[in-house]
Amino acid sequence: MPIQFGSCHTAVIDGYAIEGHVPAREIKRLLAEKPNAVGIAVPAMPIGSPGMDGPEYGSRKDPYDVLLISKNGQSQIYQSYR
């Protein structure tokens, strides 16, 4: 996973890197679609993403994107959360 997409947590599932607070829904989609990619990432730690949605944040939800990271290091939006 290229460093610019880094976050606080990294997992590898079926050969894909999962970086950051990625919703389970998008991990399931990735595993079903099996794109030719390094993996998916949610850079930083956006409030409202899984694990960043506790009562201490109230009802705050910042918009964020789940990025699909290609093998050449490029990214594209895989899913937007608004």
C-alpha atoms as a PDB file:
ATOM      1  CA  MET A   1       0.000   0.000   0.000  1.00  0.00           C
ATOM      2  CA  PRO A   2       1.550   3.321  -1.014  1.00  0.00           C
ATOM      3  CA  ILE A   3       2.367   5.492   2.004  1.00  0.00           C
ATOM      4  CA  GLN A   4       0.104   8.372   0.969  1.00  0.00           C
ATOM      5  CA  PHE A   5      -2.920   6.122   1.554  1.00  0.00           C
ATOM      6  CA  GLY A   6      -1.744   5.047   4.993  1.00  0.00           C
ATOM      7  CA  SER A   7      -3.830   5.091   8.109  1.00  0.00           C
ATOM      8  CA  CYS A   8      -3.765   3.489  11.535  1.00  0.00           C
ATOM      9  CA  HIS A   9      -4.725  -0.117  10.762  1.00  0.00           C
ATOM     10  CA  THR A  10      -3.671  -2.528   8.029  1.00  0.00           C
ATOM     11  CA  ALA A  11      -5.016  -5.973   7.207  1.00  0.00           C
ATOM     12  CA  VAL A  12      -4.441  -8.420   4.378  1.00  0.00           C
ATOM     13  CA  ILE A  13      -7.393 -10.497   3.220  1.00  0.00           C
ATOM     14  CA  ASP A  14      -7.190 -12.846   0.221  1.00  0.00           C
ATOM     15  CA  GLY A  15      -4.123 -10.958  -1.000  1.00  0.00           C
ATOM     16  CA  TYR A  16      -5.722  -7.497  -0.753  1.00  0.00           C
ATOM     17  CA  ALA A  17      -4.480  -4.777   1.591  1.00  0.00           C
ATOM     18  CA  ILE A  18      -7.208  -3.138   3.667  1.00  0.00           C
ATOM     19  CA  GLU A  19      -5.956   0.158   5.075  1.00  0.00           C
ATOM     20  CA  GLY A  20      -7.738   2.251   7.677  1.00  0.00           C
ATOM     21  CA  HIS A  21     -11.317   2.396   8.880  1.00  0.00           C
ATOM     22  CA  VAL A  22     -12.908   0.684   5.857  1.00  0.00           C
ATOM     23  CA  PRO A  23     -16.587  -0.295   6.168  1.00  0.00           C
ATOM     24  CA  ALA A  24     -17.197  -4.060   6.137  1.00  0.00           C
ATOM     25  CA  ARG A  25     -19.612  -3.564   3.237  1.00  0.00           C
ATOM     26  CA  GLU A  26     -16.754  -2.395   0.998  1.00  0.00           C
ATOM     27  CA  ILE A  27     -14.468  -5.240   2.086  1.00  0.00           C
ATOM     28  CA  LYS A  28     -17.195  -7.738   1.161  1.00  0.00           C
ATOM     29  CA  ARG A  29     -17.655  -5.974  -2.185  1.00  0.00           C
ATOM     30  CA  LEU A  30     -13.895  -6.084  -2.860  1.00  0.00           C
ATOM     31  CA  LEU A  31     -13.772  -9.817  -2.158  1.00  0.00           C
ATOM     32  CA  ALA A  32     -16.798 -10.462  -4.390  1.00  0.00           C
ATOM     33  CA  GLU A  33     -15.618  -8.305  -7.319  1.00  0.00           C
ATOM     34  CA  LYS A  34     -11.928  -9.303  -7.116  1.00  0.00           C
ATOM     35  CA  PRO A  35     -10.501  -6.296  -8.985  1.00  0.00           C
ATOM     36  CA  ASN A  36      -6.882  -6.270 -10.149  1.00  0.00           C
ATOM     37  CA  ALA A  37      -5.704  -3.991  -7.340  1.00  0.00           C
ATOM     38  CA  VAL A  38      -3.495  -3.710  -4.277  1.00  0.00           C
ATOM     39  CA  GLY A  39      -6.547  -3.133  -2.084  1.00  0.00           C
ATOM     40  CA  ILE A  40      -8.759  -0.445  -0.604  1.00  0.00           C
ATOM     41  CA  ALA A  41      -8.044   2.378   1.800  1.00  0.00           C
ATOM     42  CA  VAL A  42      -9.644   5.072   3.915  1.00  0.00           C
ATOM     43  CA  PRO A  43      -6.725   7.442   4.536  1.00  0.00           C
ATOM     44  CA  ALA A  44      -6.529   9.247   7.882  1.00  0.00           C
ATOM     45  CA  MET A  45      -9.229   8.567  10.471  1.00  0.00           C
ATOM     46  CA  PRO A  46     -12.432  10.325   9.365  1.00  0.00           C
ATOM     47  CA  ILE A  47     -15.060  10.791  12.039  1.00  0.00           C
ATOM     48  CA  GLY A  48     -18.106   8.703  11.211  1.00  0.00           C
ATOM     49  CA  SER A  49     -16.130   5.845   9.654  1.00  0.00           C
ATOM     50  CA  PRO A  50     -16.254   2.446  11.417  1.00  0.00           C
ATOM     51  CA  GLY A  51     -14.495   2.708  14.759  1.00  0.00           C
ATOM     52  CA  MET A  52     -14.668   6.489  14.638  1.00  0.00           C
ATOM     53  CA  ASP A  53     -18.401   6.649  15.249  1.00  0.00           C
ATOM     54  CA  GLY A  54     -18.681   6.286  19.017  1.00  0.00           C
ATOM     55  CA  PRO A  55     -20.760   8.392  21.386  1.00  0.00           C
ATOM     56  CA  GLU A  56     -17.818  10.696  22.071  1.00  0.00           C
ATOM     57  CA  TYR A  57     -18.250  12.088  18.529  1.00  0.00           C
ATOM     58  CA  GLY A  58     -21.953  12.836  18.991  1.00  0.00           C
ATOM     59  CA  SER A  59     -23.769  12.752  15.684  1.00  0.00           C
ATOM     60  CA  ARG A  60     -20.806  14.150  13.739  1.00  0.00           C
ATOM     61  CA  LYS A  61     -20.032  12.353  10.489  1.00  0.00           C
ATOM     62  CA  ASP A  62     -17.405  13.738   8.157  1.00  0.00           C
ATOM     63  CA  PRO A  63     -17.589  12.822   4.465  1.00  0.00           C
ATOM     64  CA  TYR A  64     -14.938  10.370   3.278  1.00  0.00           C
ATOM     65  CA  ASP A  65     -14.058   8.130   0.365  1.00  0.00           C
ATOM     66  CA  VAL A  66     -13.011   4.505   0.218  1.00  0.00           C
ATOM     67  CA  LEU A  67     -10.261   4.391  -2.404  1.00  0.00           C
ATOM     68  CA  LEU A  68      -9.389   1.495  -4.684  1.00  0.00           C
ATOM     69  CA  ILE A  69      -5.603   1.393  -5.034  1.00  0.00           C
ATOM     70  CA  SER A  70      -4.275  -0.002  -8.300  1.00  0.00           C
ATOM     71  CA  LYS A  71      -1.034  -1.906  -8.648  1.00  0.00           C
ATOM     72  CA  ASN A  72       0.628   1.145 -10.243  1.00  0.00           C
ATOM     73  CA  GLY A  73      -0.134   3.220  -7.121  1.00  0.00           C
ATOM     74  CA  GLN A  74      -2.999   5.218  -8.606  1.00  0.00           C
ATOM     75  CA  SER A  75      -6.292   5.549  -6.767  1.00  0.00           C
ATOM     76  CA  GLN A  76      -9.917   5.962  -7.681  1.00  0.00           C
ATOM     77  CA  ILE A  77     -13.011   6.391  -5.571  1.00  0.00           C
ATOM     78  CA  TYR A  78     -14.510   2.985  -4.823  1.00  0.00           C
ATOM     79  CA  GLN A  79     -17.321   4.324  -2.627  1.00  0.00           C
ATOM     80  CA  SER A  80     -18.165   7.735  -1.195  1.00  0.00           C
ATOM     81  CA  TYR A  81     -19.759   8.229   2.217  1.00  0.00           C
ATOM     82  CA  ARG A  82     -21.506  11.575   2.650  1.00  0.00           C
END
